[in-house]
Amino acid sequence: MKAFVVAAVLLLAPLAAHAACSATDFAIKDFKPVIGAGGRMILRGELVNNCAAAAAAQVHIDVKDASGKVLQSRQAWPAGTSNIPAGGTVTFDLGRMFHPTPDANSFTASVGDVRTW
C-alpha cells in the first residue's frame, strides 16, 4: 500500500505543478496595436510569466469595431512549444494573423490557455 501511495504522488506531482500555473499568472505588457501602411496591423506586446515554474500561455486577440462588435479573433502561442522561464518574457507581434479592416476601432489582448510542454 505504501508503494502505491508513493507511486501515485510521483505520478500526480507534475499535474499539481501544472495546476499551480494559470492564466492569471501571466500578464501582457506593452500591448501597442498600430495600423500601419496599407492597413497592415501591428499587434506587438510582451507575454510575461509570473508563475513560479516554467510554462507557456496562449495569447487571444480580438479586433472590434466602434460598437464593440468582434470583427476578428485569433489565438497564438508566442513561445511556440517552448516554456517561458519563471519570471521570463517573450515578445510577440500577431498582426500578420489578421486581415486589414477599415472598421477596426479597438483591440483587446488576453491570456487564454496555459500549458507546460
PDB file of N, CA and C in Angstrom:
ATOM      1  N   MET A   1       0.826  -1.191   0.000  1.00  0.00           N
ATOM      2  CA  MET A   1       0.000   0.000   0.000  1.00  0.00           C
ATOM      3  C   MET A   1       0.871   1.255   0.000  1.00  0.00           C
ATOM      4  N   LYS A   2       1.942   1.226   0.775  1.00  0.00           N
ATOM      5  CA  LYS A   2       2.831   2.382   0.847  1.00  0.00           C
ATOM      6  C   LYS A   2       3.450   2.660  -0.523  1.00  0.00           C
ATOM      7  N   ALA A   3       3.829   1.600  -1.241  1.00  0.00           N
ATOM      8  CA  ALA A   3       4.400   1.768  -2.580  1.00  0.00           C
ATOM      9  C   ALA A   3       3.378   2.389  -3.527  1.00  0.00           C
ATOM     10  N   PHE A   4       2.102   2.041  -3.379  1.00  0.00           N
ATOM     11  CA  PHE A   4       1.051   2.597  -4.219  1.00  0.00           C
ATOM     12  C   PHE A   4       0.911   4.100  -3.971  1.00  0.00           C
ATOM     13  N   VAL A   5       0.948   4.510  -2.729  1.00  0.00           N
ATOM     14  CA  VAL A   5       0.823   5.931  -2.391  1.00  0.00           C
ATOM     15  C   VAL A   5       2.005   6.712  -2.957  1.00  0.00           C
ATOM     16  N   VAL A   6       3.201   6.175  -2.819  1.00  0.00           N
ATOM     17  CA  VAL A   6       4.393   6.842  -3.343  1.00  0.00           C
ATOM     18  C   VAL A   6       4.297   6.951  -4.860  1.00  0.00           C
ATOM     19  N   ALA A   7       3.873   5.874  -5.524  1.00  0.00           N
ATOM     20  CA  ALA A   7       3.729   5.895  -6.978  1.00  0.00           C
ATOM     21  C   ALA A   7       2.684   6.921  -7.405  1.00  0.00           C
ATOM     22  N   ALA A   8       1.583   7.013  -6.685  1.00  0.00           N
ATOM     23  CA  ALA A   8       0.531   7.972  -7.015  1.00  0.00           C
ATOM     24  C   ALA A   8       1.027   9.406  -6.857  1.00  0.00           C
ATOM     25  N   VAL A   9       1.783   9.668  -5.806  1.00  0.00           N
ATOM     26  CA  VAL A   9       2.327  11.009  -5.582  1.00  0.00           C
ATOM     27  C   VAL A   9       3.287  11.380  -6.702  1.00  0.00           C
ATOM     28  N   LEU A  10       4.153  10.464  -7.069  1.00  0.00           N
ATOM     29  CA  LEU A  10       5.107  10.737  -8.145  1.00  0.00           C
ATOM     30  C   LEU A  10       4.410  10.927  -9.487  1.00  0.00           C
ATOM     31  N   LEU A  11       3.353  10.197  -9.711  1.00  0.00           N
ATOM     32  CA  LEU A  11       2.614  10.308 -10.956  1.00  0.00           C
ATOM     33  C   LEU A  11       1.836  11.622 -11.033  1.00  0.00           C
ATOM     34  N   LEU A  12       1.259  12.046  -9.943  1.00  0.00           N
ATOM     35  CA  LEU A  12       0.423  13.240  -9.938  1.00  0.00           C
ATOM     36  C   LEU A  12       1.186  14.533  -9.673  1.00  0.00           C
ATOM     37  N   ALA A  13       2.425  14.455  -9.234  1.00  0.00           N
ATOM     38  CA  ALA A  13       3.207  15.665  -8.934  1.00  0.00           C
ATOM     39  C   ALA A  13       3.310  16.602 -10.133  1.00  0.00           C
ATOM     40  N   PRO A  14       3.606  16.098 -11.356  1.00  0.00           N
ATOM     41  CA  PRO A  14       3.653  17.031 -12.486  1.00  0.00           C
ATOM     42  C   PRO A  14       2.313  17.707 -12.753  1.00  0.00           C
ATOM     43  N   LEU A  15       1.213  17.018 -12.524  1.00  0.00           N
ATOM     44  CA  LEU A  15      -0.105  17.629 -12.715  1.00  0.00           C
ATOM     45  C   LEU A  15      -0.345  18.725 -11.686  1.00  0.00           C
ATOM     46  N   ALA A  16       0.082  18.502 -10.482  1.00  0.00           N
ATOM     47  CA  ALA A  16      -0.077  19.516  -9.436  1.00  0.00           C
ATOM     48  C   ALA A  16       0.752  20.748  -9.755  1.00  0.00           C
ATOM     49  N   ALA A  17       1.965  20.539 -10.269  1.00  0.00           N
ATOM     50  CA  ALA A  17       2.809  21.672 -10.643  1.00  0.00           C
ATOM     51  C   ALA A  17       2.168  22.457 -11.781  1.00  0.00           C
ATOM     52  N   HIS A  18       1.588  21.738 -12.735  1.00  0.00           N
ATOM     53  CA  HIS A  18       0.930  22.412 -13.850  1.00  0.00           C
ATOM     54  C   HIS A  18      -0.285  23.199 -13.366  1.00  0.00           C
ATOM     55  N   ALA A  19      -1.031  22.634 -12.460  1.00  0.00           N
ATOM     56  CA  ALA A  19      -2.230  23.293 -11.952  1.00  0.00           C
ATOM     57  C   ALA A  19      -1.882  24.584 -11.215  1.00  0.00           C
ATOM     58  N   ALA A  20      -0.652  24.690 -10.720  1.00  0.00           N
ATOM     59  CA  ALA A  20      -0.249  25.876  -9.986  1.00  0.00           C
ATOM     60  C   ALA A  20      -0.133  27.092 -10.906  1.00  0.00           C
ATOM     61  N   CYS A  21       0.058  26.874 -12.200  1.00  0.00           N
ATOM     62  CA  CYS A  21       0.146  27.979 -13.153  1.00  0.00           C
ATOM     63  C   CYS A  21      -1.189  28.130 -13.858  1.00  0.00           C
ATOM     64  N   SER A  22      -1.685  29.355 -13.890  1.00  0.00           N
ATOM     65  CA  SER A  22      -2.957  29.615 -14.563  1.00  0.00           C
ATOM     66  C   SER A  22      -2.830  30.893 -15.394  1.00  0.00           C
ATOM     67  N   ALA A  23      -3.862  31.214 -16.106  1.00  0.00           N
ATOM     68  CA  ALA A  23      -3.853  32.411 -16.947  1.00  0.00           C
ATOM     69  C   ALA A  23      -3.581  33.672 -16.133  1.00  0.00           C
ATOM     70  N   THR A  24      -4.004  33.689 -14.887  1.00  0.00           N
ATOM     71  CA  THR A  24      -3.774  34.879 -14.052  1.00  0.00           C
ATOM     72  C   THR A  24      -2.310  35.034 -13.646  1.00  0.00           C
ATOM     73  N   ASP A  25      -1.505  33.981 -13.850  1.00  0.00           N
ATOM     74  CA  ASP A  25      -0.069  34.058 -13.554  1.00  0.00           C
ATOM     75  C   ASP A  25       0.716  34.689 -14.702  1.00  0.00           C
ATOM     76  N   PHE A  26       0.050  34.956 -15.807  1.00  0.00           N
ATOM     77  CA  PHE A  26       0.696  35.582 -16.955  1.00  0.00           C
ATOM     78  C   PHE A  26       0.133  36.973 -17.149  1.00  0.00           C
ATOM     79  N   ALA A  27       0.943  37.851 -17.720  1.00  0.00           N
ATOM     80  CA  ALA A  27       0.499  39.218 -17.994  1.00  0.00           C
ATOM     81  C   ALA A  27       0.924  39.603 -19.402  1.00  0.00           C
ATOM     82  N   ILE A  28       0.129  40.441 -20.017  1.00  0.00           N
ATOM     83  CA  ILE A  28       0.500  41.017 -21.306  1.00  0.00           C
ATOM     84  C   ILE A  28       0.915  42.451 -21.034  1.00  0.00           C
ATOM     85  N   LYS A  29       2.137  42.764 -21.418  1.00  0.00           N
ATOM     86  CA  LYS A  29       2.733  44.061 -21.118  1.00  0.00           C
ATOM     87  C   LYS A  29       3.031  44.788 -22.429  1.00  0.00           C
ATOM     88  N   ASP A  30       2.890  46.077 -22.420  1.00  0.00           N
ATOM     89  CA  ASP A  30       3.234  46.935 -23.555  1.00  0.00           C
ATOM     90  C   ASP A  30       2.538  46.525 -24.847  1.00  0.00           C
ATOM     91  N   PHE A  31       1.257  46.165 -24.758  1.00  0.00           N
ATOM     92  CA  PHE A  31       0.488  45.829 -25.959  1.00  0.00           C
ATOM     93  C   PHE A  31       0.142  47.122 -26.663  1.00  0.00           C
ATOM     94  N   LYS A  32       0.680  47.301 -27.873  1.00  0.00           N
ATOM     95  CA  LYS A  32       0.505  48.545 -28.607  1.00  0.00           C
ATOM     96  C   LYS A  32       0.037  48.248 -30.027  1.00  0.00           C
ATOM     97  N   PRO A  33      -1.271  48.189 -30.233  1.00  0.00           N
ATOM     98  CA  PRO A  33      -1.776  47.966 -31.590  1.00  0.00           C
ATOM     99  C   PRO A  33      -1.593  49.202 -32.458  1.00  0.00           C
ATOM    100  N   VAL A  34      -1.158  48.968 -33.700  1.00  0.00           N
ATOM    101  CA  VAL A  34      -0.950  50.050 -34.665  1.00  0.00           C
ATOM    102  C   VAL A  34      -1.443  49.562 -36.022  1.00  0.00           C
ATOM    103  N   ILE A  35      -2.106  50.429 -36.739  1.00  0.00           N
ATOM    104  CA  ILE A  35      -2.463  50.116 -38.120  1.00  0.00           C
ATOM    105  C   ILE A  35      -1.482  50.883 -38.988  1.00  0.00           C
ATOM    106  N   GLY A  36      -0.626  50.127 -39.663  1.00  0.00           N
ATOM    107  CA  GLY A  36       0.446  50.705 -40.461  1.00  0.00           C
ATOM    108  C   GLY A  36       0.035  50.972 -41.899  1.00  0.00           C
ATOM    109  N   ALA A  37       1.049  51.176 -42.726  1.00  0.00           N
ATOM    110  CA  ALA A  37       0.844  51.457 -44.148  1.00  0.00           C
ATOM    111  C   ALA A  37       0.060  50.321 -44.805  1.00  0.00           C
ATOM    112  N   GLY A  38      -0.869  50.687 -45.657  1.00  0.00           N
ATOM    113  CA  GLY A  38      -1.671  49.702 -46.373  1.00  0.00           C
ATOM    114  C   GLY A  38      -2.639  48.950 -45.485  1.00  0.00           C
ATOM    115  N   GLY A  39      -2.892  49.445 -44.276  1.00  0.00           N
ATOM    116  CA  GLY A  39      -3.820  48.799 -43.355  1.00  0.00           C
ATOM    117  C   GLY A  39      -3.214  47.637 -42.586  1.00  0.00           C
ATOM    118  N   ARG A  40      -1.919  47.399 -42.770  1.00  0.00           N
ATOM    119  CA  ARG A  40      -1.252  46.296 -42.060  1.00  0.00           C
ATOM    120  C   ARG A  40      -1.348  46.507 -40.556  1.00  0.00           C
ATOM    121  N   MET A  41      -1.779  45.462 -39.859  1.00  0.00           N
ATOM    122  CA  MET A  41      -1.918  45.547 -38.408  1.00  0.00           C
ATOM    123  C   MET A  41      -0.629  45.094 -37.734  1.00  0.00           C
ATOM    124  N   ILE A  42      -0.208  45.889 -36.777  1.00  0.00           N
ATOM    125  CA  ILE A  42       0.950  45.550 -35.950  1.00  0.00           C
ATOM    126  C   ILE A  42       0.418  45.411 -34.531  1.00  0.00           C
ATOM    127  N   LEU A  43       0.452  44.199 -34.007  1.00  0.00           N
ATOM    128  CA  LEU A  43      -0.115  43.921 -32.683  1.00  0.00           C
ATOM    129  C   LEU A  43       0.983  43.340 -31.804  1.00  0.00           C
ATOM    130  N   ARG A  44       1.849  44.227 -31.326  1.00  0.00           N
ATOM    131  CA  ARG A  44       3.015  43.832 -30.549  1.00  0.00           C
ATOM    132  C   ARG A  44       2.768  43.933 -29.057  1.00  0.00           C
ATOM    133  N   GLY A  45       3.476  43.079 -28.336  1.00  0.00           N
ATOM    134  CA  GLY A  45       3.436  43.124 -26.890  1.00  0.00           C
ATOM    135  C   GLY A  45       4.416  42.129 -26.316  1.00  0.00           C
ATOM    136  N   GLU A  46       4.390  41.999 -25.014  1.00  0.00           N
ATOM    137  CA  GLU A  46       5.227  41.037 -24.301  1.00  0.00           C
ATOM    138  C   GLU A  46       4.337  40.175 -23.424  1.00  0.00           C
ATOM    139  N   LEU A  47       4.595  38.887 -23.447  1.00  0.00           N
ATOM    140  CA  LEU A  47       3.916  37.948 -22.567  1.00  0.00           C
ATOM    141  C   LEU A  47       4.867  37.648 -21.419  1.00  0.00           C
ATOM    142  N   VAL A  48       4.428  37.913 -20.195  1.00  0.00           N
ATOM    143  CA  VAL A  48       5.274  37.760 -19.006  1.00  0.00           C
ATOM    144  C   VAL A  48       4.773  36.580 -18.170  1.00  0.00           C
ATOM    145  N   ASN A  49       5.692  35.680 -17.826  1.00  0.00           N
ATOM    146  CA  ASN A  49       5.364  34.545 -16.967  1.00  0.00           C
ATOM    147  C   ASN A  49       5.661  34.923 -15.520  1.00  0.00           C
ATOM    148  N   ASN A  50       4.617  35.159 -14.734  1.00  0.00           N
ATOM    149  CA  ASN A  50       4.761  35.457 -13.310  1.00  0.00           C
ATOM    150  C   ASN A  50       4.556  34.218 -12.443  1.00  0.00           C
ATOM    151  N   CYS A  51       4.480  33.071 -13.077  1.00  0.00           N
ATOM    152  CA  CYS A  51       4.301  31.804 -12.367  1.00  0.00           C
ATOM    153  C   CYS A  51       5.633  31.394 -11.732  1.00  0.00           C
ATOM    154  N   ALA A  52       5.583  30.554 -10.731  1.00  0.00           N
ATOM    155  CA  ALA A  52       6.793  30.081 -10.059  1.00  0.00           C
ATOM    156  C   ALA A  52       7.536  29.017 -10.867  1.00  0.00           C
ATOM    157  N   ALA A  53       6.925  28.534 -11.952  1.00  0.00           N
ATOM    158  CA  ALA A  53       7.531  27.490 -12.769  1.00  0.00           C
ATOM    159  C   ALA A  53       7.509  27.905 -14.236  1.00  0.00           C
ATOM    160  N   ALA A  54       8.334  27.261 -15.026  1.00  0.00           N
ATOM    161  CA  ALA A  54       8.331  27.493 -16.470  1.00  0.00           C
ATOM    162  C   ALA A  54       7.025  26.957 -17.050  1.00  0.00           C
ATOM    163  N   ALA A  55       6.401  27.728 -17.908  1.00  0.00           N
ATOM    164  CA  ALA A  55       5.140  27.337 -18.545  1.00  0.00           C
ATOM    165  C   ALA A  55       4.945  28.197 -19.783  1.00  0.00           C
ATOM    166  N   ALA A  56       3.941  27.875 -20.566  1.00  0.00           N
ATOM    167  CA  ALA A  56       3.618  28.651 -21.759  1.00  0.00           C
ATOM    168  C   ALA A  56       2.161  29.092 -21.681  1.00  0.00           C
ATOM    169  N   ALA A  57       1.837  30.159 -22.385  1.00  0.00           N
ATOM    170  CA  ALA A  57       0.463  30.655 -22.395  1.00  0.00           C
ATOM    171  C   ALA A  57       0.074  31.079 -23.798  1.00  0.00           C
ATOM    172  N   GLN A  58      -1.199  30.987 -24.044  1.00  0.00           N
ATOM    173  CA  GLN A  58      -1.770  31.366 -25.325  1.00  0.00           C
ATOM    174  C   GLN A  58      -2.274  32.803 -25.226  1.00  0.00           C
ATOM    175  N   VAL A  59      -1.995  33.598 -26.244  1.00  0.00           N
ATOM    176  CA  VAL A  59      -2.489  34.968 -26.295  1.00  0.00           C
ATOM    177  C   VAL A  59      -3.699  35.000 -27.218  1.00  0.00           C
ATOM    178  N   HIS A  60      -4.756  35.669 -26.772  1.00  0.00           N
ATOM    179  CA  HIS A  60      -6.005  35.798 -27.526  1.00  0.00           C
ATOM    180  C   HIS A  60      -6.195  37.279 -27.841  1.00  0.00           C
ATOM    181  N   ILE A  61      -6.388  37.599 -29.118  1.00  0.00           N
ATOM    182  CA  ILE A  61      -6.597  38.997 -29.523  1.00  0.00           C
ATOM    183  C   ILE A  61      -7.917  39.118 -30.275  1.00  0.00           C
ATOM    184  N   ASP A  62      -8.694  40.136 -29.906  1.00  0.00           N
ATOM    185  CA  ASP A  62      -9.929  40.479 -30.604  1.00  0.00           C
ATOM    186  C   ASP A  62      -9.765  41.852 -31.238  1.00  0.00           C
ATOM    187  N   VAL A  63     -10.239  41.970 -32.461  1.00  0.00           N
ATOM    188  CA  VAL A  63     -10.330  43.261 -33.149  1.00  0.00           C
ATOM    189  C   VAL A  63     -11.806  43.629 -33.151  1.00  0.00           C
ATOM    190  N   LYS A  64     -12.116  44.840 -32.664  1.00  0.00           N
ATOM    191  CA  LYS A  64     -13.514  45.251 -32.518  1.00  0.00           C
ATOM    192  C   LYS A  64     -13.798  46.530 -33.301  1.00  0.00           C
ATOM    193  N   ASP A  65     -15.074  46.697 -33.678  1.00  0.00           N
ATOM    194  CA  ASP A  65     -15.490  47.936 -34.326  1.00  0.00           C
ATOM    195  C   ASP A  65     -15.888  48.955 -33.252  1.00  0.00           C
ATOM    196  N   ALA A  66     -16.372  50.107 -33.671  1.00  0.00           N
ATOM    197  CA  ALA A  66     -16.705  51.187 -32.732  1.00  0.00           C
ATOM    198  C   ALA A  66     -17.812  50.806 -31.752  1.00  0.00           C
ATOM    199  N   SER A  67     -18.689  49.871 -32.150  1.00  0.00           N
ATOM    200  CA  SER A  67     -19.775  49.462 -31.253  1.00  0.00           C
ATOM    201  C   SER A  67     -19.358  48.336 -30.305  1.00  0.00           C
ATOM    202  N   GLY A  68     -18.134  47.841 -30.465  1.00  0.00           N
ATOM    203  CA  GLY A  68     -17.646  46.756 -29.608  1.00  0.00           C
ATOM    204  C   GLY A  68     -17.846  45.371 -30.193  1.00  0.00           C
ATOM    205  N   LYS A  69     -18.413  45.296 -31.389  1.00  0.00           N
ATOM    206  CA  LYS A  69     -18.614  44.004 -32.060  1.00  0.00           C
ATOM    207  C   LYS A  69     -17.252  43.432 -32.481  1.00  0.00           C
ATOM    208  N   VAL A  70     -17.036  42.148 -32.181  1.00  0.00           N
ATOM    209  CA  VAL A  70     -15.777  41.497 -32.551  1.00  0.00           C
ATOM    210  C   VAL A  70     -15.782  41.226 -34.047  1.00  0.00           C
ATOM    211  N   LEU A  71     -14.808  41.803 -34.737  1.00  0.00           N
ATOM    212  CA  LEU A  71     -14.676  41.617 -36.183  1.00  0.00           C
ATOM    213  C   LEU A  71     -13.788  40.422 -36.517  1.00  0.00           C
ATOM    214  N   GLN A  72     -12.724  40.267 -35.757  1.00  0.00           N
ATOM    215  CA  GLN A  72     -11.784  39.167 -35.957  1.00  0.00           C
ATOM    216  C   GLN A  72     -11.244  38.746 -34.598  1.00  0.00           C
ATOM    217  N   SER A  73     -10.928  37.470 -34.500  1.00  0.00           N
ATOM    218  CA  SER A  73     -10.404  36.929 -33.255  1.00  0.00           C
ATOM    219  C   SER A  73      -9.390  35.835 -33.598  1.00  0.00           C
ATOM    220  N   ARG A  74      -8.243  35.869 -32.951  1.00  0.00           N
ATOM    221  CA  ARG A  74      -7.208  34.862 -33.193  1.00  0.00           C
ATOM    222  C   ARG A  74      -6.499  34.535 -31.876  1.00  0.00           C
ATOM    223  N   GLN A  75      -5.924  33.312 -31.835  1.00  0.00           N
ATOM    224  CA  GLN A  75      -5.125  32.882 -30.691  1.00  0.00           C
ATOM    225  C   GLN A  75      -3.791  32.365 -31.216  1.00  0.00           C
ATOM    226  N   ALA A  76      -2.755  32.520 -30.403  1.00  0.00           N
ATOM    227  CA  ALA A  76      -1.435  32.010 -30.771  1.00  0.00           C
ATOM    228  C   ALA A  76      -0.623  31.756 -29.506  1.00  0.00           C
ATOM    229  N   TRP A  77       0.346  30.884 -29.639  1.00  0.00           N
ATOM    230  CA  TRP A  77       1.297  30.594 -28.559  1.00  0.00           C
ATOM    231  C   TRP A  77       2.591  31.316 -28.901  1.00  0.00           C
ATOM    232  N   PRO A  78       2.843  32.504 -28.337  1.00  0.00           N
ATOM    233  CA  PRO A  78       4.023  33.287 -28.708  1.00  0.00           C
ATOM    234  C   PRO A  78       5.360  32.565 -28.518  1.00  0.00           C
ATOM    235  N   ALA A  79       5.430  31.657 -27.566  1.00  0.00           N
ATOM    236  CA  ALA A  79       6.684  30.926 -27.342  1.00  0.00           C
ATOM    237  C   ALA A  79       6.698  29.607 -28.115  1.00  0.00           C
ATOM    238  N   GLY A  80       5.687  29.391 -28.940  1.00  0.00           N
ATOM    239  CA  GLY A  80       5.616  28.126 -29.670  1.00  0.00           C
ATOM    240  C   GLY A  80       5.422  26.975 -28.699  1.00  0.00           C
ATOM    241  N   THR A  81       6.175  25.915 -28.889  1.00  0.00           N
ATOM    242  CA  THR A  81       6.086  24.763 -27.990  1.00  0.00           C
ATOM    243  C   THR A  81       7.209  24.778 -26.961  1.00  0.00           C
ATOM    244  N   SER A  82       7.635  25.965 -26.575  1.00  0.00           N
ATOM    245  CA  SER A  82       8.653  26.129 -25.536  1.00  0.00           C
ATOM    246  C   SER A  82       8.015  26.763 -24.311  1.00  0.00           C
ATOM    247  N   ASN A  83       8.509  26.396 -23.157  1.00  0.00           N
ATOM    248  CA  ASN A  83       8.056  27.044 -21.928  1.00  0.00           C
ATOM    249  C   ASN A  83       8.813  28.350 -21.741  1.00  0.00           C
ATOM    250  N   ILE A  84       8.141  29.314 -21.154  1.00  0.00           N
ATOM    251  CA  ILE A  84       8.763  30.581 -20.786  1.00  0.00           C
ATOM    252  C   ILE A  84       9.255  30.404 -19.355  1.00  0.00           C
ATOM    253  N   PRO A  85      10.526  30.679 -19.091  1.00  0.00           N
ATOM    254  CA  PRO A  85      11.031  30.503 -17.724  1.00  0.00           C
ATOM    255  C   PRO A  85      10.253  31.366 -16.728  1.00  0.00           C
ATOM    256  N   ALA A  86      10.197  30.918 -15.490  1.00  0.00           N
ATOM    257  CA  ALA A  86       9.560  31.704 -14.432  1.00  0.00           C
ATOM    258  C   ALA A  86      10.190  33.093 -14.401  1.00  0.00           C
ATOM    259  N   GLY A  87       9.361  34.122 -14.455  1.00  0.00           N
ATOM    260  CA  GLY A  87       9.846  35.500 -14.464  1.00  0.00           C
ATOM    261  C   GLY A  87      10.287  35.972 -15.837  1.00  0.00           C
ATOM    262  N   GLY A  88      10.244  35.112 -16.831  1.00  0.00           N
ATOM    263  CA  GLY A  88      10.703  35.449 -18.173  1.00  0.00           C
ATOM    264  C   GLY A  88       9.621  36.072 -19.033  1.00  0.00           C
ATOM    265  N   THR A  89      10.044  36.610 -20.169  1.00  0.00           N
ATOM    266  CA  THR A  89       9.116  37.212 -21.117  1.00  0.00           C
ATOM    267  C   THR A  89       9.416  36.718 -22.527  1.00  0.00           C
ATOM    268  N   VAL A  90       8.422  36.842 -23.371  1.00  0.00           N
ATOM    269  CA  VAL A  90       8.587  36.577 -24.798  1.00  0.00           C
ATOM    270  C   VAL A  90       7.812  37.670 -25.529  1.00  0.00           C
ATOM    271  N   THR A  91       8.418  38.233 -26.568  1.00  0.00           N
ATOM    272  CA  THR A  91       7.739  39.266 -27.339  1.00  0.00           C
ATOM    273  C   THR A  91       6.909  38.614 -28.447  1.00  0.00           C
ATOM    274  N   PHE A  92       5.879  39.319 -28.869  1.00  0.00           N
ATOM    275  CA  PHE A  92       5.045  38.812 -29.947  1.00  0.00           C
ATOM    276  C   PHE A  92       4.551  39.957 -30.819  1.00  0.00           C
ATOM    277  N   ASP A  93       4.239  39.627 -32.063  1.00  0.00           N
ATOM    278  CA  ASP A  93       3.539  40.517 -32.980  1.00  0.00           C
ATOM    279  C   ASP A  93       2.594  39.626 -33.771  1.00  0.00           C
ATOM    280  N   LEU A  94       1.318  39.657 -33.428  1.00  0.00           N
ATOM    281  CA  LEU A  94       0.336  38.785 -34.051  1.00  0.00           C
ATOM    282  C   LEU A  94      -0.441  39.477 -35.173  1.00  0.00           C
ATOM    283  N   GLY A  95       0.013  40.638 -35.583  1.00  0.00           N
ATOM    284  CA  GLY A  95      -0.682  41.390 -36.620  1.00  0.00           C
ATOM    285  C   GLY A  95      -0.800  40.644 -37.938  1.00  0.00           C
ATOM    286  N   ARG A  96       0.182  39.825 -38.276  1.00  0.00           N
ATOM    287  CA  ARG A  96       0.168  39.095 -39.550  1.00  0.00           C
ATOM    288  C   ARG A  96      -0.976  38.085 -39.624  1.00  0.00           C
ATOM    289  N   MET A  97      -1.572  37.765 -38.483  1.00  0.00           N
ATOM    290  CA  MET A  97      -2.659  36.791 -38.444  1.00  0.00           C
ATOM    291  C   MET A  97      -4.023  37.423 -38.791  1.00  0.00           C
ATOM    292  N   PHE A  98      -4.066  38.747 -38.891  1.00  0.00           N
ATOM    293  CA  PHE A  98      -5.324  39.451 -39.115  1.00  0.00           C
ATOM    294  C   PHE A  98      -5.366  40.081 -40.503  1.00  0.00           C
ATOM    295  N   HIS A  99      -6.573  40.165 -41.052  1.00  0.00           N
ATOM    296  CA  HIS A  99      -6.788  40.840 -42.328  1.00  0.00           C
ATOM    297  C   HIS A  99      -7.050  42.319 -42.053  1.00  0.00           C
ATOM    298  N   PRO A 100      -6.480  43.192 -42.861  1.00  0.00           N
ATOM    299  CA  PRO A 100      -6.761  44.619 -42.675  1.00  0.00           C
ATOM    300  C   PRO A 100      -8.261  44.888 -42.787  1.00  0.00           C
ATOM    301  N   THR A 101      -8.767  45.709 -41.900  1.00  0.00           N
ATOM    302  CA  THR A 101     -10.178  46.074 -41.935  1.00  0.00           C
ATOM    303  C   THR A 101     -10.326  47.540 -41.538  1.00  0.00           C
ATOM    304  N   PRO A 102     -11.022  48.316 -42.368  1.00  0.00           N
ATOM    305  CA  PRO A 102     -11.164  49.745 -42.056  1.00  0.00           C
ATOM    306  C   PRO A 102     -12.060  50.005 -40.843  1.00  0.00           C
ATOM    307  N   ASP A 103     -12.853  49.016 -40.445  1.00  0.00           N
ATOM    308  CA  ASP A 103     -13.759  49.192 -39.310  1.00  0.00           C
ATOM    309  C   ASP A 103     -13.084  48.970 -37.951  1.00  0.00           C
ATOM    310  N   ALA A 104     -11.817  48.541 -37.953  1.00  0.00           N
ATOM    311  CA  ALA A 104     -11.127  48.272 -36.686  1.00  0.00           C
ATOM    312  C   ALA A 104     -11.047  49.549 -35.862  1.00  0.00           C
ATOM    313  N   ASN A 105     -11.527  49.452 -34.629  1.00  0.00           N
ATOM    314  CA  ASN A 105     -11.556  50.617 -33.752  1.00  0.00           C
ATOM    315  C   ASN A 105     -10.812  50.365 -32.446  1.00  0.00           C
ATOM    316  N   SER A 106     -10.870  49.118 -31.966  1.00  0.00           N
ATOM    317  CA  SER A 106     -10.179  48.786 -30.720  1.00  0.00           C
ATOM    318  C   SER A 106      -9.679  47.342 -30.764  1.00  0.00           C
ATOM    319  N   PHE A 107      -8.733  47.062 -29.910  1.00  0.00           N
ATOM    320  CA  PHE A 107      -8.102  45.753 -29.851  1.00  0.00           C
ATOM    321  C   PHE A 107      -7.997  45.337 -28.393  1.00  0.00           C
ATOM    322  N   THR A 108      -8.279  44.078 -28.106  1.00  0.00           N
ATOM    323  CA  THR A 108      -8.078  43.566 -26.763  1.00  0.00           C
ATOM    324  C   THR A 108      -7.182  42.338 -26.828  1.00  0.00           C
ATOM    325  N   ALA A 109      -6.312  42.222 -25.860  1.00  0.00           N
ATOM    326  CA  ALA A 109      -5.414  41.079 -25.762  1.00  0.00           C
ATOM    327  C   ALA A 109      -5.595  40.465 -24.380  1.00  0.00           C
ATOM    328  N   SER A 110      -5.696  39.151 -24.342  1.00  0.00           N
ATOM    329  CA  SER A 110      -5.844  38.459 -23.062  1.00  0.00           C
ATOM    330  C   SER A 110      -5.087  37.138 -23.119  1.00  0.00           C
ATOM    331  N   VAL A 111      -4.901  36.555 -21.958  1.00  0.00           N
ATOM    332  CA  VAL A 111      -4.219  35.266 -21.862  1.00  0.00           C
ATOM    333  C   VAL A 111      -5.291  34.185 -21.829  1.00  0.00           C
ATOM    334  N   GLY A 112      -5.111  33.170 -22.663  1.00  0.00           N
ATOM    335  CA  GLY A 112      -6.053  32.061 -22.723  1.00  0.00           C
ATOM    336  C   GLY A 112      -5.523  30.855 -21.978  1.00  0.00           C
ATOM    337  N   ASP A 113      -5.337  29.799 -22.688  1.00  0.00           N
ATOM    338  CA  ASP A 113      -4.898  28.532 -22.122  1.00  0.00           C
ATOM    339  C   ASP A 113      -3.454  28.615 -21.618  1.00  0.00           C
ATOM    340  N   VAL A 114      -3.136  27.832 -20.606  1.00  0.00           N
ATOM    341  CA  VAL A 114      -1.778  27.729 -20.062  1.00  0.00           C
ATOM    342  C   VAL A 114      -1.393  26.263 -20.096  1.00  0.00           C
ATOM    343  N   ARG A 115      -0.134  26.011 -20.453  1.00  0.00           N
ATOM    344  CA  ARG A 115       0.325  24.635 -20.601  1.00  0.00           C
ATOM    345  C   ARG A 115       1.828  24.556 -20.355  1.00  0.00           C
ATOM    346  N   THR A 116       2.284  23.397 -19.955  1.00  0.00           N
ATOM    347  CA  THR A 116       3.720  23.136 -19.903  1.00  0.00           C
ATOM    348  C   THR A 116       4.035  22.110 -20.968  1.00  0.00           C
ATOM    349  N   TRP A 117       5.089  22.343 -21.695  1.00  0.00           N
ATOM    350  CA  TRP A 117       5.485  21.465 -22.800  1.00  0.00           C
ATOM    351  C   TRP A 117       6.542  20.494 -22.340  1.00  0.00           C
TER     352      TRP A 117
END
